C-alpha atoms as a PDB file:
ATOM      1  CA  MET A   1      43.085-122.464-175.619  1.00  0.00           C
ATOM      2  CA  HIS A   2      43.074-124.726-173.055  1.00  0.00           C
ATOM      3  CA  GLY A   3      46.719-125.867-173.706  1.00  0.00           C
ATOM      4  CA  SER A   4      48.202-122.694-174.017  1.00  0.00           C
ATOM      5  CA  VAL A   5      46.356-121.323-170.740  1.00  0.00           C
ATOM      6  CA  SER A   6      47.629-124.327-169.010  1.00  0.00           C
ATOM      7  CA  SER A   7      50.978-123.860-170.586  1.00  0.00           C
ATOM      8  CA  SER A   8      50.640-119.995-169.475  1.00  0.00           C
ATOM      9  CA  LEU A   9      49.873-121.428-165.897  1.00  0.00           C
ATOM     10  CA  LEU A  10      52.933-123.571-165.438  1.00  0.00           C
ATOM     11  CA  VAL A  11      55.454-121.076-166.337  1.00  0.00           C
ATOM     12  CA  THR A  12      53.933-118.570-163.826  1.00  0.00           C
ATOM     13  CA  VAL A  13      54.140-121.099-161.417  1.00  0.00           C
ATOM     14  CA  GLY A  14      57.817-122.306-162.007  1.00  0.00           C
ATOM     15  CA  LEU A  15      58.788-118.683-162.077  1.00  0.00           C
ATOM     16  CA  TRP A  16      57.172-117.980-158.775  1.00  0.00           C
ATOM     17  CA  LEU A  17      58.303-121.570-157.089  1.00  0.00           C
ATOM     18  CA  SER A  18      61.980-120.102-158.528  1.00  0.00           C
ATOM     19  CA  GLY A  19      61.979-117.296-156.999  1.00  0.00           C
ATOM     20  CA  CYS A  20      60.379-118.373-153.518  1.00  0.00           C
ATOM     21  CA  GLY A  21      63.471-120.489-153.671  1.00  0.00           C
ATOM     22  CA  LYS A  22      65.941-117.307-153.706  1.00  0.00           C
ATOM     23  CA  GLU A  23      66.539-116.071-149.982  1.00  0.00           C
ATOM     24  CA  LYS A  24      67.039-112.364-149.568  1.00  0.00           C
ATOM     25  CA  PRO A  25      69.844-110.489-148.713  1.00  0.00           C
ATOM     26  CA  ALA A  26      70.825-110.736-145.232  1.00  0.00           C
ATOM     27  CA  GLU A  27      70.462-107.537-143.241  1.00  0.00           C
ATOM     28  CA  PRO A  28      73.866-105.696-142.589  1.00  0.00           C
ATOM     29  CA  ILE A  29      74.311-106.236-137.993  1.00  0.00           C
ATOM     30  CA  ALA A  30      74.443-103.098-136.592  1.00  0.00           C
ATOM     31  CA  ILE A  31      77.710-102.310-134.838  1.00  0.00           C
ATOM     32  CA  PRO A  32      77.490-102.701-130.896  1.00  0.00           C
ATOM     33  CA  SER A  33      77.888 -99.366-129.450  1.00  0.00           C
ATOM     34  CA  VAL A  34      79.568 -98.919-125.703  1.00  0.00           C
ATOM     35  CA  LEU A  35      78.865 -95.420-124.384  1.00  0.00           C
ATOM     36  CA  VAL A  36      82.190 -94.427-121.764  1.00  0.00           C
ATOM     37  CA  SER A  37      82.340 -91.456-119.548  1.00  0.00           C
ATOM     38  CA  ALA A  38      85.558 -90.085-118.555  1.00  0.00           C
ATOM     39  CA  THR A  39      85.967 -88.074-115.505  1.00  0.00           C
ATOM     40  CA  ASP A  40      89.434 -87.126-113.746  1.00  0.00           C
ATOM     41  CA  TYR A  41      90.604 -89.627-113.242  1.00  0.00           C
ATOM     42  CA  ALA A  42      88.266 -92.595-113.725  1.00  0.00           C
ATOM     43  CA  PHE A  43      86.309 -94.373-116.440  1.00  0.00           C
ATOM     44  CA  GLN A  44      82.733 -95.411-116.075  1.00  0.00           C
ATOM     45  CA  MET A  45      81.847 -98.423-118.681  1.00  0.00           C
ATOM     46  CA  PRO A  46      80.946-101.928-118.716  1.00  0.00           C
ATOM     47  CA  ASP A  47      82.776-104.808-117.066  1.00  0.00           C
ATOM     48  CA  THR A  48      82.113-107.202-119.672  1.00  0.00           C
ATOM     49  CA  LEU A  49      81.707-107.304-123.619  1.00  0.00           C
ATOM     50  CA  THR A  50      81.342-109.419-126.171  1.00  0.00           C
ATOM     51  CA  ALA A  51      83.927-110.162-129.124  1.00  0.00           C
ATOM     52  CA  GLY A  52      83.582-108.603-132.237  1.00  0.00           C
ATOM     53  CA  VAL A  53      83.548-105.116-134.054  1.00  0.00           C
ATOM     54  CA  THR A  54      82.565-102.496-131.382  1.00  0.00           C
ATOM     55  CA  ALA A  55      81.812 -98.886-131.752  1.00  0.00           C
ATOM     56  CA  PHE A  56      83.252 -96.964-128.523  1.00  0.00           C
ATOM     57  CA  ARG A  57      81.929 -93.208-127.906  1.00  0.00           C
ATOM     58  CA  LEU A  58      84.229 -91.649-125.209  1.00  0.00           C
ATOM     59  CA  MET A  59      82.557 -88.952-123.355  1.00  0.00           C
ATOM     60  CA  ASN A  60      84.664 -86.533-121.542  1.00  0.00           C
ATOM     61  CA  HIS A  61      82.995 -84.856-118.258  1.00  0.00           C
ATOM     62  CA  GLY A  62      86.295 -84.085-116.876  1.00  0.00           C
ATOM     63  CA  GLN A  63      88.207 -81.049-116.723  1.00  0.00           C
ATOM     64  CA  GLU A  64      91.301 -82.402-118.816  1.00  0.00           C
ATOM     65  CA  PHE A  65      91.739 -84.023-122.170  1.00  0.00           C
ATOM     66  CA  HIS A  66      90.814 -87.930-122.011  1.00  0.00           C
ATOM     67  CA  HIS A  67      91.437 -90.597-124.524  1.00  0.00           C
ATOM     68  CA  LEU A  68      90.625 -94.560-124.095  1.00  0.00           C
ATOM     69  CA  VAL A  69      93.171 -96.699-124.796  1.00  0.00           C
ATOM     70  CA  LEU A  70      92.263-100.701-124.814  1.00  0.00           C
ATOM     71  CA  ILE A  71      94.946-102.957-124.006  1.00  0.00           C
ATOM     72  CA  ARG A  72      94.631-107.119-124.487  1.00  0.00           C
ATOM     73  CA  LEU A  73      96.727-108.227-121.353  1.00  0.00           C
ATOM     74  CA  PRO A  74      98.685-112.039-122.176  1.00  0.00           C
ATOM     75  CA  GLU A  75      96.982-114.758-120.625  1.00  0.00           C
ATOM     76  CA  GLY A  76      96.672-115.203-117.301  1.00  0.00           C
ATOM     77  CA  GLN A  77      97.572-111.532-116.441  1.00  0.00           C
ATOM     78  CA  THR A  78      94.919-109.430-114.412  1.00  0.00           C
ATOM     79  CA  ILE A  79      94.744-105.532-113.744  1.00  0.00           C
ATOM     80  CA  ALA A  80      96.772-105.956-110.985  1.00  0.00           C
ATOM     81  CA  ASP A  81      99.897-107.277-112.542  1.00  0.00           C
ATOM     82  CA  PHE A  82      99.339-104.632-115.594  1.00  0.00           C
ATOM     83  CA  GLN A  83      99.616-101.871-112.132  1.00  0.00           C
ATOM     84  CA  LYS A  84     103.300-103.686-111.474  1.00  0.00           C
ATOM     85  CA  LEU A  85     104.530-102.994-114.765  1.00  0.00           C
ATOM     86  CA  ASN A  86     107.568-100.561-115.180  1.00  0.00           C
ATOM     87  CA  PRO A  87     106.209 -97.928-117.816  1.00  0.00           C
ATOM     88  CA  ALA A  88     109.646 -97.629-118.926  1.00  0.00           C
ATOM     89  CA  ALA A  89     110.113-101.178-119.838  1.00  0.00           C
ATOM     90  CA  PRO A  90     109.568-103.087-122.702  1.00  0.00           C
ATOM     91  CA  MET A  91     105.844-104.148-122.674  1.00  0.00           C
ATOM     92  CA  PRO A  92     105.357-108.153-121.807  1.00  0.00           C
ATOM     93  CA  GLU A  93     105.241-110.392-124.898  1.00  0.00           C
ATOM     94  CA  GLY A  94     101.555-111.021-125.708  1.00  0.00           C
ATOM     95  CA  MET A  95     100.143-107.518-124.884  1.00  0.00           C
ATOM     96  CA  VAL A  96      98.398-106.128-127.479  1.00  0.00           C
ATOM     97  CA  HIS A  97      97.309-102.271-127.812  1.00  0.00           C
ATOM     98  CA  LYS A  98      94.199-102.469-129.363  1.00  0.00           C
ATOM     99  CA  GLY A  99      93.325 -98.535-130.164  1.00  0.00           C
ATOM    100  CA  GLY A 100      90.152 -96.703-129.370  1.00  0.00           C
ATOM    101  CA  PRO A 101      88.752 -93.257-129.229  1.00  0.00           C
ATOM    102  CA  ASN A 102      91.746 -90.148-129.268  1.00  0.00           C
ATOM    103  CA  ALA A 103      90.972 -87.757-127.485  1.00  0.00           C
ATOM    104  CA  ALA A 104      88.624 -85.704-125.961  1.00  0.00           C
ATOM    105  CA  ALA A 105      88.202 -82.224-124.547  1.00  0.00           C
ATOM    106  CA  PRO A 106      86.653 -81.201-121.693  1.00  0.00           C
ATOM    107  CA  GLY A 107      82.971 -81.511-122.444  1.00  0.00           C
ATOM    108  CA  GLY A 108      83.556 -83.285-125.865  1.00  0.00           C
ATOM    109  CA  ALA A 109      83.014 -86.577-127.412  1.00  0.00           C
ATOM    110  CA  VAL A 110      85.000 -88.721-129.404  1.00  0.00           C
ATOM    111  CA  GLU A 111      84.192 -92.170-130.941  1.00  0.00           C
ATOM    112  CA  ALA A 112      86.338 -94.948-132.796  1.00  0.00           C
ATOM    113  CA  THR A 113      85.776 -98.370-133.824  1.00  0.00           C
ATOM    114  CA  VAL A 114      87.541-101.473-132.489  1.00  0.00           C
ATOM    115  CA  GLU A 115      87.654-105.194-133.203  1.00  0.00           C
ATOM    116  CA  LEU A 116      87.819-106.974-129.814  1.00  0.00           C
ATOM    117  CA  GLN A 117      89.135-110.847-129.529  1.00  0.00           C
ATOM    118  CA  PRO A 118      88.121-112.706-126.469  1.00  0.00           C
ATOM    119  CA  GLY A 119      90.252-112.435-123.426  1.00  0.00           C
ATOM    120  CA  ARG A 120      91.112-109.578-120.771  1.00  0.00           C
ATOM    121  CA  TYR A 121      91.998-106.198-121.158  1.00  0.00           C
ATOM    122  CA  VAL A 122      92.050-102.983-119.254  1.00  0.00           C
ATOM    123  CA  ALA A 123      90.984 -99.476-120.849  1.00  0.00           C
ATOM    124  CA  VAL A 124      93.675 -96.584-119.666  1.00  0.00           C
ATOM    125  CA  CYS A 125      93.916 -93.078-120.193  1.00  0.00           C
ATOM    126  CA  MET A 126      97.561 -92.233-121.114  1.00  0.00           C
ATOM    127  CA  ILE A 127      97.562 -88.671-120.976  1.00  0.00           C
ATOM    128  CA  PRO A 128      99.320 -86.511-118.802  1.00  0.00           C
ATOM    129  CA  SER A 129      98.269 -83.772-116.778  1.00  0.00           C
ATOM    130  CA  ALA A 130     100.135 -80.753-116.097  1.00  0.00           C
ATOM    131  CA  ASP A 131     102.240 -82.017-113.060  1.00  0.00           C
ATOM    132  CA  GLY A 132     103.829 -84.825-115.687  1.00  0.00           C
ATOM    133  CA  GLN A 133     101.819 -87.749-114.286  1.00  0.00           C
ATOM    134  CA  VAL A 134      99.617 -89.762-116.790  1.00  0.00           C
ATOM    135  CA  HIS A 135      96.039 -90.095-115.966  1.00  0.00           C
ATOM    136  CA  MET A 136      96.499 -93.758-115.495  1.00  0.00           C
ATOM    137  CA  LEU A 137      99.136 -93.581-112.800  1.00  0.00           C
ATOM    138  CA  LYS A 138      96.339 -91.257-110.998  1.00  0.00           C
ATOM    139  CA  GLY A 139      94.161 -94.471-111.249  1.00  0.00           C
ATOM    140  CA  MET A 140      92.230 -93.623-114.438  1.00  0.00           C
ATOM    141  CA  MET A 141      91.988 -97.931-115.387  1.00  0.00           C
ATOM    142  CA  HIS A 142      89.427-100.034-115.804  1.00  0.00           C
ATOM    143  CA  GLU A 143      89.569-103.955-116.367  1.00  0.00           C
ATOM    144  CA  LEU A 144      87.162-105.282-119.078  1.00  0.00           C
ATOM    145  CA  ALA A 145      86.320-108.664-119.869  1.00  0.00           C
ATOM    146  CA  VAL A 146      85.610-109.985-123.515  1.00  0.00           C
ATOM    147  CA  ILE A 147      83.987-112.975-124.250  1.00  0.00           C
ATOM    148  CA  PRO A 148      83.216-115.308-127.367  1.00  0.00           C
ATOM    149  CA  ALA A 149      80.526-114.164-129.688  1.00  0.00           C
ATOM    150  CA  GLN A 150      77.969-116.774-129.347  1.00  0.00           C
ATOM    151  CA  HIS A 151      77.128-116.720-133.474  1.00  0.00           C
ATOM    152  CA  ALA A 152      80.396-116.757-135.896  1.00  0.00           C
ATOM    153  CA  ALA A 153      78.359-113.945-138.050  1.00  0.00           C
ATOM    154  CA  GLY A 154      79.015-110.246-136.444  1.00  0.00           C
ATOM    155  CA  ALA A 155      78.976-106.507-137.165  1.00  0.00           C
ATOM    156  CA  GLN A 156      81.420-105.886-140.775  1.00  0.00           C
ATOM    157  CA  ALA A 157      84.278-102.454-139.855  1.00  0.00           C
ATOM    158  CA  PRO A 158      82.594 -99.630-141.615  1.00  0.00           C
ATOM    159  CA  THR A 159      83.769 -99.216-145.582  1.00  0.00           C
ATOM    160  CA  PRO A 160      86.402 -96.773-145.296  1.00  0.00           C
ATOM    161  CA  ASP A 161      86.698 -93.492-147.675  1.00  0.00           C
ATOM    162  CA  VAL A 162      90.091 -93.081-146.522  1.00  0.00           C
ATOM    163  CA  THR A 163      93.039 -95.166-145.316  1.00  0.00           C
ATOM    164  CA  ILE A 164      95.757 -93.560-143.043  1.00  0.00           C
ATOM    165  CA  LYS A 165      98.735 -95.927-142.681  1.00  0.00           C
ATOM    166  CA  LEU A 166     101.175 -95.065-139.711  1.00  0.00           C
ATOM    167  CA  SER A 167     104.818 -95.979-140.216  1.00  0.00           C
ATOM    168  CA  ASP A 168     107.834 -95.581-138.418  1.00  0.00           C
ATOM    169  CA  TYR A 169     107.589 -92.568-138.670  1.00  0.00           C
ATOM    170  CA  ALA A 170     105.246 -91.012-140.858  1.00  0.00           C
ATOM    171  CA  PHE A 171     101.385 -90.465-141.967  1.00  0.00           C
ATOM    172  CA  GLU A 172     100.817 -91.773-145.375  1.00  0.00           C
ATOM    173  CA  THR A 173      96.554 -90.956-146.332  1.00  0.00           C
ATOM    174  CA  SER A 174      95.568 -92.976-149.538  1.00  0.00           C
ATOM    175  CA  ARG A 175      94.149 -89.467-150.607  1.00  0.00           C
ATOM    176  CA  PRO A 176      94.155 -86.273-149.622  1.00  0.00           C
ATOM    177  CA  LEU A 177      91.344 -85.546-146.696  1.00  0.00           C
ATOM    178  CA  THR A 178      88.488 -83.310-148.220  1.00  0.00           C
ATOM    179  CA  ALA A 179      85.685 -80.949-146.464  1.00  0.00           C
ATOM    180  CA  GLY A 180      82.854 -83.364-145.290  1.00  0.00           C
ATOM    181  CA  ARG A 181      81.937 -86.906-143.669  1.00  0.00           C
ATOM    182  CA  GLN A 182      83.963 -89.168-145.007  1.00  0.00           C
ATOM    183  CA  VAL A 183      85.007 -93.037-142.864  1.00  0.00           C
ATOM    184  CA  ILE A 184      88.646 -93.437-142.259  1.00  0.00           C
ATOM    185  CA  ARG A 185      89.993 -96.385-141.768  1.00  0.00           C
ATOM    186  CA  VAL A 186      93.670 -95.974-139.075  1.00  0.00           C
ATOM    187  CA  GLU A 187      96.292 -99.015-139.742  1.00  0.00           C
ATOM    188  CA  ASN A 188      99.244 -99.691-138.079  1.00  0.00           C
ATOM    189  CA  ALA A 189     101.864-100.653-140.854  1.00  0.00           C
ATOM    190  CA  GLY A 190     104.936 -99.784-138.465  1.00  0.00           C
ATOM    191  CA  SER A 191     107.104-102.279-136.420  1.00  0.00           C
ATOM    192  CA  GLN A 192     106.314-100.897-133.115  1.00  0.00           C
ATOM    193  CA  TRP A 193     102.956 -98.790-131.572  1.00  0.00           C
ATOM    194  CA  HIS A 194     102.215 -95.438-133.248  1.00  0.00           C
ATOM    195  CA  GLU A 195      98.913 -93.138-132.204  1.00  0.00           C
ATOM    196  CA  LEU A 196      96.799 -90.799-134.412  1.00  0.00           C
ATOM    197  CA  VAL A 197      96.466 -87.478-132.679  1.00  0.00           C
ATOM    198  CA  PHE A 198      93.981 -85.622-135.103  1.00  0.00           C
ATOM    199  CA  VAL A 199      93.588 -81.905-134.414  1.00  0.00           C
ATOM    200  CA  LYS A 200      91.807 -78.314-136.162  1.00  0.00           C
ATOM    201  CA  LEU A 201      93.939 -75.886-135.654  1.00  0.00           C
ATOM    202  CA  ASP A 202      93.271 -72.547-134.726  1.00  0.00           C
ATOM    203  CA  SER A 203      93.920 -69.664-136.517  1.00  0.00           C
ATOM    204  CA  GLY A 204      97.169 -68.870-137.619  1.00  0.00           C
ATOM    205  CA  LYS A 205      98.533 -71.809-135.188  1.00  0.00           C
ATOM    206  CA  THR A 206     100.786 -74.633-136.284  1.00  0.00           C
ATOM    207  CA  VAL A 207     101.235 -78.646-135.437  1.00  0.00           C
ATOM    208  CA  GLY A 208     104.503 -77.331-133.280  1.00  0.00           C
ATOM    209  CA  ASP A 209     102.316 -75.226-131.145  1.00  0.00           C
ATOM    210  CA  PHE A 210     100.008 -77.956-130.292  1.00  0.00           C
ATOM    211  CA  VAL A 211     103.166 -80.099-129.772  1.00  0.00           C
ATOM    212  CA  GLN A 212     104.468 -77.715-127.418  1.00  0.00           C
ATOM    213  CA  TRP A 213     101.108 -77.523-125.551  1.00  0.00           C
ATOM    214  CA  GLY A 214     100.591 -81.267-125.474  1.00  0.00           C
ATOM    215  CA  GLU A 215     104.159 -81.756-123.856  1.00  0.00           C
ATOM    216  CA  LYS A 216     102.756 -79.748-121.160  1.00  0.00           C
ATOM    217  CA  PRO A 217      98.940 -78.581-121.050  1.00  0.00           C
ATOM    218  CA  GLN A 218      98.681 -75.419-119.727  1.00  0.00           C
ATOM    219  CA  GLY A 219      96.136 -72.549-120.520  1.00  0.00           C
ATOM    220  CA  PRO A 220      93.718 -73.195-123.722  1.00  0.00           C
ATOM    221  CA  PRO A 221      94.877 -75.595-126.018  1.00  0.00           C
ATOM    222  CA  PRO A 222      95.507 -73.779-129.346  1.00  0.00           C
ATOM    223  CA  ALA A 223      93.678 -76.772-131.347  1.00  0.00           C
ATOM    224  CA  VAL A 224      90.228 -78.495-131.137  1.00  0.00           C
ATOM    225  CA  PRO A 225      90.535 -81.960-131.281  1.00  0.00           C
ATOM    226  CA  VAL A 226      89.229 -84.286-133.975  1.00  0.00           C
ATOM    227  CA  ASP A 227      88.142 -87.839-133.748  1.00  0.00           C
ATOM    228  CA  GLY A 228      91.404 -89.925-133.892  1.00  0.00           C
ATOM    229  CA  VAL A 229      92.893 -93.077-132.790  1.00  0.00           C
ATOM    230  CA  SER A 230      94.828 -94.268-129.575  1.00  0.00           C
ATOM    231  CA  PRO A 231      97.779 -96.432-128.853  1.00  0.00           C
ATOM    232  CA  LEU A 232      98.037 -99.265-131.774  1.00  0.00           C
ATOM    233  CA  GLY A 233      99.939-102.083-131.733  1.00  0.00           C
ATOM    234  CA  PRO A 234     101.589-103.178-135.065  1.00  0.00           C
ATOM    235  CA  GLY A 235      99.149-104.283-137.620  1.00  0.00           C
ATOM    236  CA  GLU A 236      95.795-103.315-135.692  1.00  0.00           C
ATOM    237  CA  TRP A 237      93.286-100.999-137.030  1.00  0.00           C
ATOM    238  CA  ASN A 238      90.545 -98.808-135.862  1.00  0.00           C
ATOM    239  CA  THR A 239      87.947 -97.028-138.087  1.00  0.00           C
ATOM    240  CA  VAL A 240      86.284 -93.088-137.264  1.00  0.00           C
ATOM    241  CA  THR A 241      84.097 -91.041-138.694  1.00  0.00           C
ATOM    242  CA  VAL A 242      84.905 -87.453-139.018  1.00  0.00           C
ATOM    243  CA  ASP A 243      83.007 -84.488-140.527  1.00  0.00           C
ATOM    244  CA  LEU A 244      85.452 -81.735-141.509  1.00  0.00           C
ATOM    245  CA  ALA A 245      85.158 -78.055-142.191  1.00  0.00           C
ATOM    246  CA  PRO A 246      87.765 -76.165-144.059  1.00  0.00           C
ATOM    247  CA  GLY A 247      90.702 -75.237-142.573  1.00  0.00           C
ATOM    248  CA  ASP A 248      94.242 -76.343-141.018  1.00  0.00           C
ATOM    249  CA  TYR A 249      94.823 -79.557-139.208  1.00  0.00           C
ATOM    250  CA  GLY A 250      97.507 -81.595-137.557  1.00  0.00           C
ATOM    251  CA  PHE A 251      98.528 -84.917-137.490  1.00  0.00           C
ATOM    252  CA  VAL A 252     100.904 -86.274-134.025  1.00  0.00           C
ATOM    253  CA  CYS A 253     102.053 -89.117-132.531  1.00  0.00           C
ATOM    254  CA  PHE A 254     103.403 -88.465-128.927  1.00  0.00           C
ATOM    255  CA  LEU A 255     104.230 -92.229-128.147  1.00  0.00           C
ATOM    256  CA  PRO A 256     107.818 -92.774-127.282  1.00  0.00           C
ATOM    257  CA  ASP A 257     110.046 -94.547-129.274  1.00  0.00           C
ATOM    258  CA  THR A 258     110.454 -98.512-128.135  1.00  0.00           C
ATOM    259  CA  LYS A 259     114.263 -97.931-129.175  1.00  0.00           C
ATOM    260  CA  ASP A 260     115.800 -94.599-127.977  1.00  0.00           C
ATOM    261  CA  GLY A 261     112.312 -93.302-125.419  1.00  0.00           C
ATOM    262  CA  LYS A 262     112.511 -90.250-127.728  1.00  0.00           C
ATOM    263  CA  PRO A 263     108.547 -89.225-129.074  1.00  0.00           C
ATOM    264  CA  HIS A 264     107.756 -90.063-131.896  1.00  0.00           C
ATOM    265  CA  LEU A 265     107.213 -86.714-133.022  1.00  0.00           C
ATOM    266  CA  MET A 266     111.167 -86.202-132.750  1.00  0.00           C
ATOM    267  CA  HIS A 267     111.755 -88.485-135.342  1.00  0.00           C
ATOM    268  CA  GLY A 268     109.311 -86.596-137.739  1.00  0.00           C
ATOM    269  CA  MET A 269     106.144 -88.350-136.862  1.00  0.00           C
ATOM    270  CA  MET A 270     104.071 -84.816-137.286  1.00  0.00           C
ATOM    271  CA  HIS A 271     101.946 -83.475-139.912  1.00  0.00           C
ATOM    272  CA  GLN A 272      99.873 -80.092-141.185  1.00  0.00           C
ATOM    273  CA  PHE A 273      98.019 -79.940-143.663  1.00  0.00           C
ATOM    274  CA  LYS A 274      95.135 -77.625-145.194  1.00  0.00           C
ATOM    275  CA  VAL A 275      91.566 -79.307-145.861  1.00  0.00           C
ATOM    276  CA  MET A 276      89.695 -77.370-148.694  1.00  0.00           C
END
């Protein structure tokens, strides 16, 4: 009897010790969130951030549409160098468009998750006013330093439900978008920069009506913006989380082509679809 008790005790202690040796799964690291306030024509946001996956929430307190474009500058360049660039000329080698939330209506908010590498950045708004001048030329830019993270492990990007690939010149979704909440990963699989302007169309309106308004924004827009992605360089990605109601929607890329200067929408990069 004593022998059987001792054996049972040894087995119990052994199991307890083996359990103590197992580490609990690490808790996922929360994605840092940065609040950016947009007005006509300025950003209020931090001057310094830490490298890694970061969520940017853009709140529009202005009277015009605004978005946030994060651009990593070539090594050694500053915002002063950026301001001297000719917008019509090819961008310098080493300059990378990292995307950001695109675009917020007056009083609205949009959010996108971006992976930042260490370096010096400039945040700009490239949306034009009714006079045709883009907002960054009205002073809507902010210099940002991204410093290396102290620890190798950082937050991971959200797991996507749907992937949208931007190519030259189309939008390709991994599956049709449906009503409800979903995480979308937007990837630039093209050879040049692209954006995802994502809108819910007003009743009876088309994506063509929105394009017409977007080229010269006067009067109320024929669509409501959904969380899209501002200009992304080749190979770059962002994620957005949307909660879609049934209705008609559109994707558009307004960016000028690096070869002929025509907006990508003129190359067919616009798409209208229905969410059930």
